[in-house]
Amino acid sequence: MRQDQHDARDRLTRLGGTRLAGELAAIYLDEMPRRLAAARNALREGDAEVLGETVHGMRSRSAQFGATELVSACQDVELAADRGDVVAAASRLMVVEARYAEFAGWLLEQVGVGGW
């Protein structure tokens, strides 16, 4: 486990206990695929504004869990979207998807083995 993820896990557990931290993780894991789908849809429609807003929300939620690599990837998409560069945003969204898959795997392990 990366130190930033460990720190975020500990912070969430201190604030709300293991049950709440696990529930927040489950909500995150449920919500993020829908946000990714919305981001892909915004790309298909060429809507940089909606893409930026969607990815901004993904970045904020991921930061709560200490997913710094995912946060950084989201920021790259958000910056490209802010410039209206949907081509760059599309390639960067692939990085977001890969980072999310990695992080979601780790988070599922934490929730599944009672790490929270």
N, C-alpha and C. Protein backbone atom coordinates (compact mmCIF):
# COMPACT_ATOMS: atom_id res chain seq x y z
N MET A 1 0.86 -1.18 0.00
CA MET A 1 0.00 0.00 0.00
C MET A 1 0.90 1.24 0.00
N ARG A 2 0.55 2.20 -0.80
CA ARG A 2 1.29 3.45 -0.85
C ARG A 2 1.01 4.25 0.42
N GLN A 3 1.97 5.05 0.81
CA GLN A 3 1.84 5.83 2.04
C GLN A 3 0.63 6.77 1.99
N ASP A 4 0.40 7.41 0.84
CA ASP A 4 -0.72 8.34 0.75
C ASP A 4 -2.05 7.62 0.90
N GLN A 5 -2.14 6.41 0.37
CA GLN A 5 -3.36 5.62 0.52
C GLN A 5 -3.52 5.17 1.97
N HIS A 6 -2.43 4.78 2.57
CA HIS A 6 -2.45 4.38 3.98
C HIS A 6 -2.91 5.54 4.85
N ASP A 7 -2.36 6.72 4.59
CA ASP A 7 -2.72 7.91 5.37
C ASP A 7 -4.21 8.25 5.20
N ALA A 8 -4.70 8.18 3.96
CA ALA A 8 -6.11 8.48 3.70
C ALA A 8 -7.01 7.46 4.39
N ARG A 9 -6.64 6.19 4.31
CA ARG A 9 -7.42 5.15 4.97
C ARG A 9 -7.49 5.41 6.47
N ASP A 10 -6.34 5.72 7.07
CA ASP A 10 -6.31 5.98 8.51
C ASP A 10 -7.13 7.22 8.88
N ARG A 11 -7.04 8.28 8.05
CA ARG A 11 -7.81 9.50 8.31
C ARG A 11 -9.30 9.22 8.26
N LEU A 12 -9.76 8.50 7.23
CA LEU A 12 -11.18 8.19 7.12
C LEU A 12 -11.65 7.32 8.28
N THR A 13 -10.82 6.39 8.67
CA THR A 13 -11.18 5.52 9.79
C THR A 13 -11.26 6.31 11.08
N ARG A 14 -10.32 7.22 11.30
CA ARG A 14 -10.36 8.06 12.52
C ARG A 14 -11.60 8.93 12.54
N LEU A 15 -11.96 9.48 11.39
CA LEU A 15 -13.10 10.39 11.34
C LEU A 15 -14.44 9.69 11.53
N GLY A 16 -14.58 8.50 10.96
CA GLY A 16 -15.89 7.88 10.99
C GLY A 16 -15.93 6.43 11.39
N GLY A 17 -14.79 5.86 11.71
CA GLY A 17 -14.76 4.46 12.08
C GLY A 17 -14.66 3.56 10.85
N THR A 18 -14.42 2.30 11.09
CA THR A 18 -14.20 1.37 9.98
C THR A 18 -15.48 1.16 9.16
N ARG A 19 -16.61 1.18 9.82
CA ARG A 19 -17.86 0.96 9.08
C ARG A 19 -18.12 2.08 8.08
N LEU A 20 -18.01 3.33 8.54
CA LEU A 20 -18.25 4.47 7.65
C LEU A 20 -17.20 4.50 6.54
N ALA A 21 -15.94 4.25 6.87
CA ALA A 21 -14.89 4.25 5.85
C ALA A 21 -15.19 3.20 4.78
N GLY A 22 -15.63 2.03 5.20
CA GLY A 22 -16.00 0.99 4.24
C GLY A 22 -17.19 1.38 3.40
N GLU A 23 -18.17 2.02 4.02
CA GLU A 23 -19.34 2.48 3.26
C GLU A 23 -18.96 3.55 2.24
N LEU A 24 -18.09 4.46 2.63
CA LEU A 24 -17.63 5.49 1.70
C LEU A 24 -16.87 4.87 0.54
N ALA A 25 -16.05 3.87 0.84
CA ALA A 25 -15.32 3.18 -0.22
C ALA A 25 -16.28 2.48 -1.18
N ALA A 26 -17.32 1.85 -0.64
CA ALA A 26 -18.30 1.16 -1.49
C ALA A 26 -19.05 2.16 -2.38
N ILE A 27 -19.39 3.30 -1.83
CA ILE A 27 -20.06 4.34 -2.63
C ILE A 27 -19.14 4.81 -3.74
N TYR A 28 -17.89 5.06 -3.41
CA TYR A 28 -16.90 5.50 -4.40
C TYR A 28 -16.78 4.48 -5.53
N LEU A 29 -16.64 3.21 -5.16
CA LEU A 29 -16.50 2.15 -6.16
C LEU A 29 -17.75 2.00 -7.03
N ASP A 30 -18.90 2.30 -6.47
CA ASP A 30 -20.15 2.23 -7.22
C ASP A 30 -20.30 3.42 -8.16
N GLU A 31 -19.87 4.57 -7.70
CA GLU A 31 -20.10 5.82 -8.43
C GLU A 31 -19.07 6.08 -9.54
N MET A 32 -17.84 5.68 -9.35
CA MET A 32 -16.79 6.03 -10.30
C MET A 32 -17.01 5.44 -11.71
N PRO A 33 -17.47 4.22 -11.87
CA PRO A 33 -17.71 3.75 -13.24
C PRO A 33 -18.75 4.60 -13.98
N ARG A 34 -19.75 5.09 -13.26
CA ARG A 34 -20.74 5.98 -13.90
C ARG A 34 -20.10 7.30 -14.29
N ARG A 35 -19.21 7.81 -13.46
CA ARG A 35 -18.52 9.05 -13.79
C ARG A 35 -17.60 8.85 -15.00
N LEU A 36 -16.93 7.72 -15.05
CA LEU A 36 -16.08 7.42 -16.21
C LEU A 36 -16.92 7.33 -17.48
N ALA A 37 -18.07 6.69 -17.38
CA ALA A 37 -18.96 6.60 -18.54
C ALA A 37 -19.43 7.98 -18.98
N ALA A 38 -19.73 8.84 -18.02
CA ALA A 38 -20.16 10.21 -18.35
C ALA A 38 -19.02 10.98 -19.02
N ALA A 39 -17.79 10.75 -18.57
CA ALA A 39 -16.63 11.42 -19.17
C ALA A 39 -16.44 10.93 -20.61
N ARG A 40 -16.55 9.62 -20.84
CA ARG A 40 -16.43 9.09 -22.20
C ARG A 40 -17.53 9.65 -23.09
N ASN A 41 -18.74 9.76 -22.56
CA ASN A 41 -19.85 10.31 -23.32
C ASN A 41 -19.59 11.78 -23.69
N ALA A 42 -19.08 12.54 -22.75
CA ALA A 42 -18.76 13.95 -23.02
C ALA A 42 -17.71 14.05 -24.12
N LEU A 43 -16.74 13.13 -24.10
CA LEU A 43 -15.73 13.12 -25.17
C LEU A 43 -16.37 12.83 -26.52
N ARG A 44 -17.23 11.81 -26.56
CA ARG A 44 -17.91 11.46 -27.82
C ARG A 44 -18.68 12.65 -28.38
N GLU A 45 -19.28 13.42 -27.47
CA GLU A 45 -20.07 14.58 -27.89
C GLU A 45 -19.21 15.82 -28.11
N GLY A 46 -17.92 15.72 -27.79
CA GLY A 46 -17.03 16.86 -27.93
C GLY A 46 -17.32 17.98 -26.94
N ASP A 47 -17.91 17.64 -25.81
CA ASP A 47 -18.30 18.63 -24.81
C ASP A 47 -17.22 18.76 -23.74
N ALA A 48 -16.27 19.64 -23.99
CA ALA A 48 -15.14 19.82 -23.09
C ALA A 48 -15.58 20.33 -21.72
N GLU A 49 -16.62 21.16 -21.69
CA GLU A 49 -17.08 21.71 -20.41
C GLU A 49 -17.61 20.61 -19.49
N VAL A 50 -18.47 19.76 -20.02
CA VAL A 50 -19.02 18.67 -19.22
C VAL A 50 -17.92 17.69 -18.83
N LEU A 51 -17.01 17.44 -19.76
CA LEU A 51 -15.88 16.56 -19.45
C LEU A 51 -15.08 17.11 -18.28
N GLY A 52 -14.76 18.38 -18.32
CA GLY A 52 -13.99 18.99 -17.24
C GLY A 52 -14.71 18.92 -15.90
N GLU A 53 -16.00 19.20 -15.91
CA GLU A 53 -16.78 19.13 -14.67
C GLU A 53 -16.84 17.71 -14.12
N THR A 54 -17.02 16.76 -15.01
CA THR A 54 -17.11 15.35 -14.59
C THR A 54 -15.80 14.88 -13.98
N VAL A 55 -14.71 15.18 -14.66
CA VAL A 55 -13.40 14.74 -14.19
C VAL A 55 -13.00 15.49 -12.92
N HIS A 56 -13.42 16.72 -12.79
CA HIS A 56 -13.15 17.46 -11.56
C HIS A 56 -13.77 16.73 -10.36
N GLY A 57 -15.00 16.26 -10.51
CA GLY A 57 -15.64 15.51 -9.44
C GLY A 57 -14.91 14.21 -9.15
N MET A 58 -14.43 13.55 -10.19
CA MET A 58 -13.67 12.31 -10.00
C MET A 58 -12.38 12.59 -9.24
N ARG A 59 -11.75 13.70 -9.59
CA ARG A 59 -10.49 14.08 -8.94
C ARG A 59 -10.72 14.35 -7.45
N SER A 60 -11.76 15.09 -7.15
CA SER A 60 -12.05 15.42 -5.75
C SER A 60 -12.33 14.18 -4.92
N ARG A 61 -13.16 13.31 -5.45
CA ARG A 61 -13.50 12.08 -4.72
C ARG A 61 -12.28 11.19 -4.53
N SER A 62 -11.46 11.09 -5.55
CA SER A 62 -10.27 10.23 -5.48
C SER A 62 -9.26 10.78 -4.48
N ALA A 63 -9.18 12.09 -4.36
CA ALA A 63 -8.25 12.70 -3.41
C ALA A 63 -8.59 12.32 -1.98
N GLN A 64 -9.88 12.14 -1.69
CA GLN A 64 -10.29 11.74 -0.34
C GLN A 64 -9.71 10.40 0.06
N PHE A 65 -9.41 9.57 -0.93
CA PHE A 65 -8.89 8.24 -0.66
C PHE A 65 -7.38 8.14 -0.86
N GLY A 66 -6.73 9.26 -1.11
CA GLY A 66 -5.28 9.25 -1.25
C GLY A 66 -4.78 8.66 -2.55
N ALA A 67 -5.61 8.66 -3.57
CA ALA A 67 -5.24 8.09 -4.87
C ALA A 67 -4.51 9.15 -5.70
N THR A 68 -3.29 9.48 -5.29
CA THR A 68 -2.58 10.62 -5.87
C THR A 68 -2.29 10.45 -7.36
N GLU A 69 -1.97 9.25 -7.80
CA GLU A 69 -1.71 9.04 -9.23
C GLU A 69 -2.98 9.24 -10.04
N LEU A 70 -4.09 8.78 -9.52
CA LEU A 70 -5.38 8.98 -10.17
C LEU A 70 -5.76 10.45 -10.17
N VAL A 71 -5.53 11.12 -9.07
CA VAL A 71 -5.82 12.56 -8.96
C VAL A 71 -5.02 13.32 -10.01
N SER A 72 -3.75 13.00 -10.14
CA SER A 72 -2.89 13.66 -11.11
C SER A 72 -3.37 13.42 -12.54
N ALA A 73 -3.78 12.20 -12.83
CA ALA A 73 -4.28 11.87 -14.17
C ALA A 73 -5.58 12.63 -14.45
N CYS A 74 -6.45 12.72 -13.45
CA CYS A 74 -7.69 13.49 -13.61
C CYS A 74 -7.39 14.96 -13.87
N GLN A 75 -6.41 15.48 -13.18
CA GLN A 75 -6.05 16.88 -13.37
C GLN A 75 -5.57 17.13 -14.79
N ASP A 76 -4.82 16.17 -15.36
CA ASP A 76 -4.36 16.31 -16.74
C ASP A 76 -5.53 16.39 -17.71
N VAL A 77 -6.55 15.55 -17.49
CA VAL A 77 -7.74 15.60 -18.34
C VAL A 77 -8.46 16.92 -18.15
N GLU A 78 -8.60 17.32 -16.91
CA GLU A 78 -9.31 18.55 -16.61
C GLU A 78 -8.63 19.77 -17.27
N LEU A 79 -7.31 19.81 -17.23
CA LEU A 79 -6.59 20.91 -17.86
C LEU A 79 -6.77 20.91 -19.37
N ALA A 80 -6.72 19.74 -19.99
CA ALA A 80 -6.94 19.64 -21.44
C ALA A 80 -8.36 20.07 -21.78
N ALA A 81 -9.32 19.65 -20.98
CA ALA A 81 -10.71 20.04 -21.21
C ALA A 81 -10.89 21.54 -21.06
N ASP A 82 -10.23 22.13 -20.08
CA ASP A 82 -10.31 23.58 -19.87
C ASP A 82 -9.78 24.34 -21.09
N ARG A 83 -8.80 23.75 -21.78
CA ARG A 83 -8.27 24.36 -22.99
C ARG A 83 -9.14 24.06 -24.22
N GLY A 84 -10.13 23.17 -24.03
CA GLY A 84 -10.98 22.76 -25.15
C GLY A 84 -10.32 21.74 -26.05
N ASP A 85 -9.25 21.12 -25.59
CA ASP A 85 -8.49 20.15 -26.37
C ASP A 85 -9.00 18.74 -26.08
N VAL A 86 -10.07 18.37 -26.77
CA VAL A 86 -10.67 17.06 -26.50
C VAL A 86 -9.80 15.91 -26.99
N VAL A 87 -8.94 16.16 -27.98
CA VAL A 87 -8.04 15.11 -28.46
C VAL A 87 -7.04 14.75 -27.36
N ALA A 88 -6.42 15.76 -26.76
CA ALA A 88 -5.50 15.50 -25.65
C ALA A 88 -6.25 14.91 -24.46
N ALA A 89 -7.43 15.42 -24.20
CA ALA A 89 -8.22 14.91 -23.08
C ALA A 89 -8.55 13.44 -23.28
N ALA A 90 -8.82 13.03 -24.50
CA ALA A 90 -9.15 11.63 -24.78
C ALA A 90 -7.99 10.70 -24.43
N SER A 91 -6.78 11.09 -24.84
CA SER A 91 -5.64 10.22 -24.53
C SER A 91 -5.35 10.21 -23.03
N ARG A 92 -5.56 11.33 -22.39
CA ARG A 92 -5.32 11.39 -20.95
C ARG A 92 -6.41 10.65 -20.16
N LEU A 93 -7.61 10.59 -20.71
CA LEU A 93 -8.68 9.85 -20.04
C LEU A 93 -8.35 8.36 -19.99
N MET A 94 -7.63 7.86 -20.99
CA MET A 94 -7.21 6.46 -20.95
C MET A 94 -6.29 6.21 -19.76
N VAL A 95 -5.47 7.18 -19.42
CA VAL A 95 -4.60 7.06 -18.24
C VAL A 95 -5.45 7.05 -16.98
N VAL A 96 -6.45 7.92 -16.94
CA VAL A 96 -7.36 7.95 -15.79
C VAL A 96 -8.01 6.58 -15.60
N GLU A 97 -8.48 5.99 -16.69
CA GLU A 97 -9.13 4.69 -16.59
C GLU A 97 -8.18 3.62 -16.06
N ALA A 98 -6.94 3.66 -16.51
CA ALA A 98 -5.95 2.69 -16.03
C ALA A 98 -5.63 2.91 -14.56
N ARG A 99 -5.45 4.16 -14.16
CA ARG A 99 -5.15 4.45 -12.76
C ARG A 99 -6.34 4.09 -11.86
N TYR A 100 -7.54 4.34 -12.35
CA TYR A 100 -8.72 3.97 -11.57
C TYR A 100 -8.78 2.45 -11.39
N ALA A 101 -8.54 1.71 -12.45
CA ALA A 101 -8.58 0.24 -12.35
C ALA A 101 -7.59 -0.26 -11.30
N GLU A 102 -6.39 0.31 -11.30
CA GLU A 102 -5.38 -0.08 -10.30
C GLU A 102 -5.85 0.26 -8.89
N PHE A 103 -6.32 1.48 -8.72
CA PHE A 103 -6.74 1.92 -7.40
C PHE A 103 -7.97 1.16 -6.92
N ALA A 104 -8.92 0.95 -7.81
CA ALA A 104 -10.14 0.22 -7.43
C ALA A 104 -9.80 -1.19 -6.98
N GLY A 105 -8.83 -1.83 -7.64
CA GLY A 105 -8.39 -3.16 -7.22
C GLY A 105 -7.87 -3.15 -5.80
N TRP A 106 -7.03 -2.15 -5.49
CA TRP A 106 -6.50 -2.04 -4.14
C TRP A 106 -7.62 -1.77 -3.14
N LEU A 107 -8.52 -0.86 -3.49
CA LEU A 107 -9.60 -0.49 -2.58
C LEU A 107 -10.54 -1.67 -2.32
N LEU A 108 -10.81 -2.43 -3.36
CA LEU A 108 -11.65 -3.63 -3.19
C LEU A 108 -11.00 -4.62 -2.23
N GLU A 109 -9.69 -4.76 -2.33
CA GLU A 109 -8.98 -5.65 -1.40
C GLU A 109 -9.14 -5.14 0.03
N GLN A 110 -9.03 -3.85 0.23
CA GLN A 110 -9.16 -3.28 1.56
C GLN A 110 -10.54 -3.52 2.14
N VAL A 111 -11.55 -3.28 1.34
CA VAL A 111 -12.92 -3.47 1.79
C VAL A 111 -13.20 -4.96 2.00
N GLY A 112 -12.72 -5.78 1.07
CA GLY A 112 -13.02 -7.20 1.10
C GLY A 112 -12.36 -7.96 2.24
N VAL A 113 -11.18 -7.55 2.64
CA VAL A 113 -10.48 -8.27 3.69
C VAL A 113 -10.64 -7.61 5.04
N GLY A 114 -11.53 -6.66 5.13
CA GLY A 114 -11.76 -6.00 6.41
C GLY A 114 -10.65 -5.05 6.78
N GLY A 115 -9.90 -4.58 5.77
CA GLY A 115 -8.82 -3.65 6.03
C GLY A 115 -9.31 -2.30 6.52
N TRP A 116 -10.61 -2.09 6.47
CA TRP A 116 -11.17 -0.84 6.95
C TRP A 116 -11.79 -1.11 8.29
